Amino acid sequence: MQRNSIEALGQLSVVLDAWMGRMAQEYGDHEKDGRWVLAVDSFSPSEFMERYDVSAVKDEDTGKYIVTVEERNAEN
């Protein structure tokens, strides 16, 4: 693997860890010892991405990220 690819994977790992941590703080349980715990049912990431389209944009007015999950081939 090339150096740039390894660096990119490292950066992606940091982003994913931060995102999961933020979701745990937002939606998880705040434990007495200062931890946040969020339990999520097991799933297959590849099957999830086959079934759903996921997009995220930052709302410049509120500063919040808007995440949309839409079932593929869903009848509207």
Protein backbone atom coordinates (compact mmCIF):
# COMPACT_ATOMS: atom_id res chain seq x y z
CA MET A 1 0.00 0.00 0.00
CA GLN A 2 1.33 3.44 -0.85
CA ARG A 3 2.18 5.95 1.86
CA ASN A 4 -0.60 8.35 0.78
CA SER A 5 -3.14 5.53 0.95
CA ILE A 6 -2.04 4.61 4.47
CA GLU A 7 -2.26 8.24 5.58
CA ALA A 8 -5.72 8.57 4.02
CA LEU A 9 -6.90 5.43 5.82
CA GLY A 10 -5.56 6.81 9.09
CA GLN A 11 -7.43 10.07 8.56
CA LEU A 12 -10.60 8.18 7.68
CA SER A 13 -10.25 6.13 10.86
CA VAL A 14 -10.01 9.32 12.93
CA VAL A 15 -13.11 10.78 11.24
CA LEU A 16 -15.11 7.57 11.78
CA ASP A 17 -14.03 7.28 15.43
CA ALA A 18 -14.97 10.92 16.05
CA TRP A 19 -18.33 10.48 14.32
CA MET A 20 -19.17 7.36 16.34
CA GLY A 21 -18.06 9.08 19.52
CA ARG A 22 -20.23 12.08 18.81
CA MET A 23 -23.24 9.85 18.12
CA ALA A 24 -22.63 8.04 21.42
CA GLN A 25 -22.60 11.38 23.25
CA GLU A 26 -25.73 12.56 21.47
CA TYR A 27 -27.83 9.39 21.65
CA GLY A 28 -26.16 7.06 24.13
CA ASP A 29 -26.36 6.70 27.88
CA HIS A 30 -24.04 8.85 30.00
CA GLU A 31 -22.57 6.52 32.61
CA LYS A 32 -21.61 7.61 36.12
CA ASP A 33 -17.91 7.08 35.35
CA GLY A 34 -18.00 9.72 32.60
CA ARG A 35 -18.40 7.36 29.63
CA TRP A 36 -21.14 7.45 27.02
CA VAL A 37 -22.45 4.12 25.79
CA LEU A 38 -24.52 3.62 22.65
CA ALA A 39 -25.62 0.10 21.73
CA VAL A 40 -26.42 -0.55 18.07
CA ASP A 41 -27.76 -3.80 16.65
CA SER A 42 -25.28 -5.78 14.60
CA PHE A 43 -25.45 -5.27 10.85
CA SER A 44 -23.53 -5.92 7.66
CA PRO A 45 -22.05 -2.65 6.34
CA SER A 46 -21.95 -3.98 2.77
CA GLU A 47 -25.59 -5.11 2.91
CA PHE A 48 -26.59 -1.78 4.45
CA MET A 49 -24.89 0.17 1.66
CA GLU A 50 -26.47 -2.08 -0.97
CA ARG A 51 -29.91 -1.31 0.45
CA TYR A 52 -29.55 2.38 1.33
CA ASP A 53 -28.16 5.61 -0.09
CA VAL A 54 -26.51 7.77 2.56
CA SER A 55 -25.63 11.43 2.23
CA ALA A 56 -24.44 14.10 4.63
CA VAL A 57 -24.17 17.87 4.28
CA LYS A 58 -23.36 20.59 6.77
CA ASP A 59 -26.10 23.18 7.22
CA GLU A 60 -24.19 26.46 7.09
CA ASP A 61 -26.93 28.31 9.03
CA THR A 62 -27.07 25.95 12.00
CA GLY A 63 -23.63 24.34 11.78
CA LYS A 64 -25.29 20.93 12.12
CA TYR A 65 -24.67 17.96 9.88
CA ILE A 66 -27.78 16.71 8.12
CA VAL A 67 -27.54 12.97 7.44
CA THR A 68 -30.09 11.41 5.11
CA VAL A 69 -30.61 7.67 4.69
CA GLU A 70 -32.87 6.66 1.84
CA GLU A 71 -33.88 3.17 0.88
CA ARG A 72 -32.80 2.38 -2.68
CA ASN A 73 -35.66 1.69 -5.07
CA ALA A 74 -38.14 3.01 -2.51
CA GLU A 75 -41.47 3.94 -4.00
CA ASN A 76 -42.17 7.61 -3.38
